[in-house]
Amino acid sequence: MSKVIHFEIHVDDMERAKRFYGNVFGWIFQDWSDYAGLAYWGAEAGDPSEPGINGALMLRQGSGPVEGQPLSAFVCTMGVEDYDFTEQKILENGGKIAMPKAALAGMAWQGYYHDTEGNIFGIHQPDVNAK
């Protein structure tokens, strides 16, 4: 059986994307462009002692997502401790709501957002009282 071990987020503006993910989620970046042969920044996406994976931001090689069109990519969802606080940070840093906060009854709060590059991602706050 295989599991996801790395993610790549395709971006148009590397500095803008690094600011967004750094400010919103606290990710730390390291330049791996020499290894990849193009603009490619490794992302430490959270505390290494907690479950989850790391990934990278890479320079988009084709056209970007088109708003209003069906999704044609993987969507990463980030676990958060405070949904409303995280949503505020997303919006303050240039993100937009794609699908508003909704209860996954008895399990969690879930919602989806556009990052500054037009990509969609989710946030998820466990909460057994969600309804």
N, C-alpha and C. Protein backbone atom coordinates (compact mmCIF):
# COMPACT_ATOMS: atom_id res chain seq x y z
N MET A 1 0.85 -1.17 0.00
CA MET A 1 0.00 0.00 0.00
C MET A 1 0.90 1.24 0.00
N SER A 2 0.50 2.25 -0.75
CA SER A 2 1.27 3.50 -0.83
C SER A 2 0.47 4.64 -0.22
N LYS A 3 1.17 5.61 0.36
CA LYS A 3 0.50 6.79 0.87
C LYS A 3 1.21 8.04 0.37
N VAL A 4 0.51 9.15 0.41
CA VAL A 4 1.07 10.42 -0.05
C VAL A 4 2.21 10.81 0.88
N ILE A 5 3.37 11.15 0.30
CA ILE A 5 4.54 11.52 1.10
C ILE A 5 5.06 12.93 0.80
N HIS A 6 4.52 13.59 -0.22
CA HIS A 6 5.01 14.91 -0.63
C HIS A 6 3.93 15.58 -1.46
N PHE A 7 3.80 16.88 -1.35
CA PHE A 7 2.87 17.61 -2.21
C PHE A 7 3.61 18.72 -2.92
N GLU A 8 3.06 19.17 -4.04
CA GLU A 8 3.58 20.32 -4.78
C GLU A 8 2.41 21.23 -5.11
N ILE A 9 2.56 22.50 -4.78
CA ILE A 9 1.56 23.51 -5.10
C ILE A 9 2.14 24.36 -6.22
N HIS A 10 1.47 24.40 -7.34
CA HIS A 10 1.93 25.16 -8.50
C HIS A 10 1.51 26.61 -8.36
N VAL A 11 2.47 27.52 -8.55
CA VAL A 11 2.24 28.94 -8.30
C VAL A 11 2.74 29.79 -9.46
N ASP A 12 2.12 30.97 -9.60
CA ASP A 12 2.56 31.93 -10.61
C ASP A 12 3.57 32.92 -10.05
N ASP A 13 3.43 33.27 -8.78
CA ASP A 13 4.29 34.26 -8.14
C ASP A 13 4.84 33.63 -6.86
N MET A 14 6.08 33.18 -6.91
CA MET A 14 6.68 32.44 -5.80
C MET A 14 6.71 33.24 -4.51
N GLU A 15 7.14 34.49 -4.56
CA GLU A 15 7.23 35.30 -3.35
C GLU A 15 5.86 35.53 -2.73
N ARG A 16 4.87 35.81 -3.55
CA ARG A 16 3.50 36.01 -3.05
C ARG A 16 2.98 34.73 -2.39
N ALA A 17 3.21 33.58 -3.02
CA ALA A 17 2.74 32.30 -2.48
C ALA A 17 3.47 31.96 -1.18
N LYS A 18 4.77 32.21 -1.11
CA LYS A 18 5.52 31.96 0.13
C LYS A 18 4.99 32.84 1.26
N ARG A 19 4.70 34.09 0.97
CA ARG A 19 4.14 34.99 1.99
C ARG A 19 2.79 34.45 2.47
N PHE A 20 1.93 34.05 1.52
CA PHE A 20 0.60 33.56 1.87
C PHE A 20 0.69 32.35 2.79
N TYR A 21 1.37 31.29 2.37
CA TYR A 21 1.44 30.06 3.16
C TYR A 21 2.26 30.24 4.44
N GLY A 22 3.27 31.09 4.40
CA GLY A 22 4.04 31.38 5.60
C GLY A 22 3.21 32.14 6.62
N ASN A 23 2.49 33.19 6.18
CA ASN A 23 1.69 34.00 7.09
C ASN A 23 0.48 33.25 7.63
N VAL A 24 -0.18 32.48 6.78
CA VAL A 24 -1.41 31.80 7.20
C VAL A 24 -1.13 30.56 8.04
N PHE A 25 -0.22 29.71 7.58
CA PHE A 25 0.00 28.42 8.23
C PHE A 25 1.35 28.29 8.94
N GLY A 26 2.19 29.30 8.84
CA GLY A 26 3.49 29.25 9.51
C GLY A 26 4.51 28.35 8.82
N TRP A 27 4.30 28.04 7.54
CA TRP A 27 5.24 27.18 6.83
C TRP A 27 6.58 27.88 6.67
N ILE A 28 7.64 27.08 6.66
CA ILE A 28 9.02 27.56 6.48
C ILE A 28 9.52 27.01 5.15
N PHE A 29 10.22 27.83 4.38
CA PHE A 29 10.64 27.45 3.03
C PHE A 29 12.16 27.41 2.88
N GLN A 30 12.60 26.52 2.02
CA GLN A 30 14.02 26.39 1.68
C GLN A 30 14.12 26.27 0.16
N ASP A 31 15.04 27.01 -0.43
CA ASP A 31 15.21 27.02 -1.88
C ASP A 31 15.84 25.71 -2.37
N TRP A 32 15.08 24.95 -3.13
CA TRP A 32 15.57 23.71 -3.73
C TRP A 32 15.65 23.84 -5.25
N SER A 33 15.70 25.06 -5.75
CA SER A 33 15.68 25.31 -7.20
C SER A 33 16.84 24.63 -7.92
N ASP A 34 18.02 24.60 -7.31
CA ASP A 34 19.17 23.96 -7.96
C ASP A 34 18.91 22.48 -8.22
N TYR A 35 18.22 21.82 -7.30
CA TYR A 35 17.90 20.40 -7.48
C TYR A 35 16.86 20.19 -8.57
N ALA A 36 15.86 21.09 -8.60
CA ALA A 36 14.72 20.91 -9.50
C ALA A 36 14.95 21.48 -10.90
N GLY A 37 15.85 22.43 -11.03
CA GLY A 37 16.09 23.05 -12.33
C GLY A 37 15.07 24.11 -12.69
N LEU A 38 14.26 24.54 -11.73
CA LEU A 38 13.31 25.63 -11.89
C LEU A 38 12.99 26.16 -10.50
N ALA A 39 12.25 27.26 -10.42
CA ALA A 39 11.91 27.82 -9.11
C ALA A 39 11.11 26.80 -8.32
N TYR A 40 11.69 26.32 -7.21
CA TYR A 40 11.11 25.23 -6.43
C TYR A 40 11.54 25.41 -4.98
N TRP A 41 10.58 25.68 -4.11
CA TRP A 41 10.86 25.94 -2.70
C TRP A 41 10.23 24.88 -1.83
N GLY A 42 11.07 24.11 -1.13
CA GLY A 42 10.57 23.10 -0.20
C GLY A 42 9.82 23.75 0.95
N ALA A 43 8.74 23.10 1.38
CA ALA A 43 7.91 23.64 2.45
C ALA A 43 7.90 22.69 3.64
N GLU A 44 8.35 23.19 4.79
CA GLU A 44 8.17 22.47 6.04
C GLU A 44 6.79 22.89 6.55
N ALA A 45 5.85 21.98 6.44
CA ALA A 45 4.43 22.31 6.65
C ALA A 45 3.94 21.82 8.01
N GLY A 46 4.57 22.30 9.06
CA GLY A 46 4.10 21.95 10.40
C GLY A 46 5.17 21.28 11.23
N ASP A 47 4.81 21.01 12.46
CA ASP A 47 5.69 20.40 13.44
C ASP A 47 6.03 18.98 12.99
N PRO A 48 7.32 18.66 12.83
CA PRO A 48 7.70 17.32 12.36
C PRO A 48 7.26 16.19 13.29
N SER A 49 6.94 16.50 14.55
CA SER A 49 6.52 15.45 15.47
C SER A 49 5.04 15.10 15.33
N GLU A 50 4.30 15.88 14.52
CA GLU A 50 2.87 15.63 14.32
C GLU A 50 2.64 14.96 12.97
N PRO A 51 1.51 14.24 12.82
CA PRO A 51 1.21 13.59 11.54
C PRO A 51 1.09 14.63 10.42
N GLY A 52 1.43 14.23 9.22
CA GLY A 52 1.32 15.12 8.07
C GLY A 52 2.53 14.98 7.18
N ILE A 53 2.50 15.68 6.07
CA ILE A 53 3.60 15.62 5.11
C ILE A 53 4.10 17.01 4.79
N ASN A 54 5.30 17.07 4.27
CA ASN A 54 5.88 18.31 3.76
C ASN A 54 5.78 18.29 2.24
N GLY A 55 6.06 19.42 1.63
CA GLY A 55 5.96 19.50 0.19
C GLY A 55 6.77 20.64 -0.37
N ALA A 56 6.22 21.29 -1.38
CA ALA A 56 6.95 22.37 -2.04
C ALA A 56 6.01 23.27 -2.81
N LEU A 57 6.49 24.48 -3.06
CA LEU A 57 5.88 25.39 -4.03
C LEU A 57 6.75 25.33 -5.26
N MET A 58 6.12 25.17 -6.42
CA MET A 58 6.91 25.16 -7.65
C MET A 58 6.28 26.10 -8.66
N LEU A 59 7.14 26.67 -9.51
CA LEU A 59 6.67 27.59 -10.52
C LEU A 59 5.76 26.87 -11.50
N ARG A 60 4.57 27.42 -11.71
CA ARG A 60 3.58 26.82 -12.61
C ARG A 60 4.14 26.76 -14.02
N GLN A 61 3.96 25.64 -14.69
CA GLN A 61 4.49 25.43 -16.04
C GLN A 61 3.44 25.54 -17.14
N GLY A 62 2.21 25.77 -16.77
CA GLY A 62 1.14 25.90 -17.76
C GLY A 62 0.13 26.91 -17.27
N SER A 63 -1.06 26.86 -17.84
CA SER A 63 -2.10 27.79 -17.43
C SER A 63 -2.61 27.43 -16.04
N GLY A 64 -3.08 28.43 -15.34
CA GLY A 64 -3.55 28.25 -13.97
C GLY A 64 -5.01 27.84 -13.92
N PRO A 65 -5.51 27.61 -12.72
CA PRO A 65 -6.91 27.24 -12.54
C PRO A 65 -7.82 28.36 -13.03
N VAL A 66 -8.98 27.98 -13.53
CA VAL A 66 -9.96 28.95 -14.00
C VAL A 66 -11.13 28.95 -13.02
N GLU A 67 -11.41 30.12 -12.45
CA GLU A 67 -12.50 30.24 -11.50
C GLU A 67 -13.82 29.81 -12.14
N GLY A 68 -14.60 29.07 -11.38
CA GLY A 68 -15.90 28.62 -11.86
C GLY A 68 -15.87 27.32 -12.64
N GLN A 69 -14.68 26.81 -12.92
CA GLN A 69 -14.54 25.55 -13.64
C GLN A 69 -14.36 24.41 -12.65
N PRO A 70 -14.71 23.18 -13.07
CA PRO A 70 -14.53 22.05 -12.18
C PRO A 70 -13.05 21.87 -11.81
N LEU A 71 -12.84 21.36 -10.64
CA LEU A 71 -11.50 21.09 -10.14
C LEU A 71 -10.86 19.98 -10.97
N SER A 72 -9.59 20.15 -11.31
CA SER A 72 -8.89 19.12 -12.07
C SER A 72 -7.52 18.86 -11.46
N ALA A 73 -7.49 18.76 -10.13
CA ALA A 73 -6.23 18.55 -9.43
C ALA A 73 -6.52 17.97 -8.06
N PHE A 74 -5.47 17.61 -7.34
CA PHE A 74 -5.62 17.21 -5.94
C PHE A 74 -5.90 18.45 -5.11
N VAL A 75 -6.59 18.26 -4.01
CA VAL A 75 -6.81 19.34 -3.07
C VAL A 75 -6.18 18.94 -1.74
N CYS A 76 -5.32 19.80 -1.22
CA CYS A 76 -4.73 19.57 0.10
C CYS A 76 -5.62 20.23 1.14
N THR A 77 -5.82 19.56 2.26
CA THR A 77 -6.58 20.11 3.37
C THR A 77 -5.66 20.18 4.59
N MET A 78 -5.61 21.35 5.22
CA MET A 78 -4.76 21.56 6.37
C MET A 78 -5.59 21.45 7.64
N GLY A 79 -5.09 20.69 8.61
CA GLY A 79 -5.72 20.64 9.92
C GLY A 79 -5.40 21.93 10.67
N VAL A 80 -6.41 22.50 11.32
CA VAL A 80 -6.22 23.74 12.08
C VAL A 80 -6.84 23.59 13.47
N GLU A 81 -6.35 24.37 14.41
CA GLU A 81 -6.90 24.35 15.77
C GLU A 81 -8.08 25.28 15.92
N ASP A 82 -8.09 26.40 15.17
CA ASP A 82 -9.15 27.40 15.30
C ASP A 82 -9.60 27.81 13.90
N TYR A 83 -10.72 27.25 13.47
CA TYR A 83 -11.20 27.47 12.10
C TYR A 83 -11.38 28.97 11.81
N ASP A 84 -12.12 29.66 12.66
CA ASP A 84 -12.46 31.06 12.39
C ASP A 84 -11.21 31.96 12.36
N PHE A 85 -10.27 31.72 13.25
CA PHE A 85 -9.02 32.48 13.25
C PHE A 85 -8.24 32.23 11.96
N THR A 86 -8.18 30.96 11.54
CA THR A 86 -7.45 30.62 10.32
C THR A 86 -8.13 31.24 9.11
N GLU A 87 -9.45 31.19 9.05
CA GLU A 87 -10.16 31.82 7.93
C GLU A 87 -9.84 33.31 7.87
N GLN A 88 -9.83 33.97 9.01
CA GLN A 88 -9.50 35.40 9.05
C GLN A 88 -8.11 35.65 8.46
N LYS A 89 -7.12 34.81 8.85
CA LYS A 89 -5.76 34.96 8.33
C LYS A 89 -5.73 34.72 6.82
N ILE A 90 -6.48 33.75 6.34
CA ILE A 90 -6.54 33.47 4.90
C ILE A 90 -7.02 34.70 4.16
N LEU A 91 -8.13 35.27 4.62
CA LEU A 91 -8.72 36.43 3.93
C LEU A 91 -7.83 37.66 4.04
N GLU A 92 -7.21 37.87 5.19
CA GLU A 92 -6.30 39.02 5.37
C GLU A 92 -5.07 38.93 4.49
N ASN A 93 -4.70 37.72 4.09
CA ASN A 93 -3.49 37.52 3.28
C ASN A 93 -3.80 37.30 1.80
N GLY A 94 -5.00 37.64 1.37
CA GLY A 94 -5.33 37.61 -0.05
C GLY A 94 -6.06 36.38 -0.53
N GLY A 95 -6.39 35.45 0.36
CA GLY A 95 -7.17 34.29 -0.04
C GLY A 95 -8.64 34.64 -0.17
N LYS A 96 -9.40 33.74 -0.81
CA LYS A 96 -10.84 33.94 -1.01
C LYS A 96 -11.57 32.66 -0.65
N ILE A 97 -12.82 32.80 -0.22
CA ILE A 97 -13.64 31.64 0.10
C ILE A 97 -14.08 30.96 -1.20
N ALA A 98 -13.87 29.64 -1.28
CA ALA A 98 -14.36 28.85 -2.41
C ALA A 98 -15.65 28.12 -2.01
N MET A 99 -15.67 27.58 -0.80
CA MET A 99 -16.85 26.92 -0.24
C MET A 99 -16.84 27.22 1.25
N PRO A 100 -17.88 27.90 1.76
CA PRO A 100 -17.84 28.35 3.15
C PRO A 100 -17.81 27.22 4.17
N LYS A 101 -17.45 27.60 5.37
CA LYS A 101 -17.40 26.70 6.52
C LYS A 101 -18.70 25.91 6.62
N ALA A 102 -18.56 24.62 6.81
CA ALA A 102 -19.72 23.75 6.96
C ALA A 102 -19.40 22.69 8.01
N ALA A 103 -20.44 22.23 8.69
CA ALA A 103 -20.26 21.19 9.70
C ALA A 103 -20.24 19.83 9.03
N LEU A 104 -19.28 19.02 9.39
CA LEU A 104 -19.32 17.59 9.12
C LEU A 104 -19.84 17.03 10.44
N ALA A 105 -21.15 16.85 10.50
CA ALA A 105 -21.86 16.60 11.75
C ALA A 105 -21.18 15.56 12.63
N GLY A 106 -20.92 15.98 13.87
CA GLY A 106 -20.31 15.11 14.85
C GLY A 106 -18.84 14.85 14.64
N MET A 107 -18.22 15.55 13.67
CA MET A 107 -16.82 15.28 13.37
C MET A 107 -15.95 16.54 13.32
N ALA A 108 -16.34 17.54 12.50
CA ALA A 108 -15.42 18.65 12.25
C ALA A 108 -16.12 19.79 11.52
N TRP A 109 -15.37 20.89 11.42
CA TRP A 109 -15.72 22.01 10.54
C TRP A 109 -14.79 21.95 9.34
N GLN A 110 -15.33 22.15 8.15
CA GLN A 110 -14.56 22.03 6.90
C GLN A 110 -14.97 23.15 5.97
N GLY A 111 -14.01 23.69 5.23
CA GLY A 111 -14.27 24.69 4.22
C GLY A 111 -13.14 24.73 3.22
N TYR A 112 -13.36 25.42 2.09
CA TYR A 112 -12.38 25.47 1.02
C TYR A 112 -12.14 26.91 0.61
N TYR A 113 -10.90 27.17 0.18
CA TYR A 113 -10.45 28.53 -0.13
C TYR A 113 -9.59 28.54 -1.38
N HIS A 114 -9.50 29.71 -2.01
CA HIS A 114 -8.55 29.95 -3.10
C HIS A 114 -7.33 30.62 -2.47
N ASP A 115 -6.13 30.14 -2.79
CA ASP A 115 -4.93 30.85 -2.35
C ASP A 115 -4.67 32.02 -3.29
N THR A 116 -3.58 32.73 -3.12
CA THR A 116 -3.28 33.89 -3.96
C THR A 116 -2.97 33.51 -5.39
N GLU A 117 -2.77 32.21 -5.65
CA GLU A 117 -2.42 31.73 -6.99
C GLU A 117 -3.62 31.11 -7.70
N GLY A 118 -4.80 31.14 -7.06
CA GLY A 118 -6.01 30.57 -7.65
C GLY A 118 -6.23 29.10 -7.33
N ASN A 119 -5.29 28.47 -6.62
CA ASN A 119 -5.44 27.06 -6.25
C ASN A 119 -6.46 26.92 -5.12
N ILE A 120 -7.13 25.79 -5.06
CA ILE A 120 -8.08 25.52 -3.99
C ILE A 120 -7.43 24.62 -2.94
N PHE A 121 -7.66 24.95 -1.67
CA PHE A 121 -7.21 24.12 -0.55
C PHE A 121 -8.30 24.14 0.51
N GLY A 122 -8.24 23.19 1.42
CA GLY A 122 -9.22 23.12 2.49
C GLY A 122 -8.60 23.35 3.84
N ILE A 123 -9.46 23.71 4.81
CA ILE A 123 -9.05 23.70 6.21
C ILE A 123 -10.07 22.86 6.98
N HIS A 124 -9.60 22.22 8.05
CA HIS A 124 -10.39 21.23 8.78
C HIS A 124 -10.08 21.35 10.26
N GLN A 125 -11.12 21.63 11.06
CA GLN A 125 -10.97 21.69 12.52
C GLN A 125 -11.82 20.60 13.14
N PRO A 126 -11.19 19.58 13.73
CA PRO A 126 -11.97 18.54 14.41
C PRO A 126 -12.85 19.16 15.51
N ASP A 127 -14.11 18.70 15.59
CA ASP A 127 -15.03 19.17 16.61
C ASP A 127 -16.22 18.22 16.65
N VAL A 128 -16.29 17.39 17.68
CA VAL A 128 -17.39 16.42 17.78
C VAL A 128 -18.74 17.10 17.97
N ASN A 129 -18.75 18.39 18.32
CA ASN A 129 -20.00 19.14 18.50
C ASN A 129 -20.46 19.87 17.24
N ALA A 130 -19.74 19.71 16.15
CA ALA A 130 -20.12 20.39 14.90
C ALA A 130 -21.47 19.86 14.42
N LYS A 131 -22.37 20.79 14.07
CA LYS A 131 -23.66 20.39 13.49
C LYS A 131 -24.25 21.52 12.69
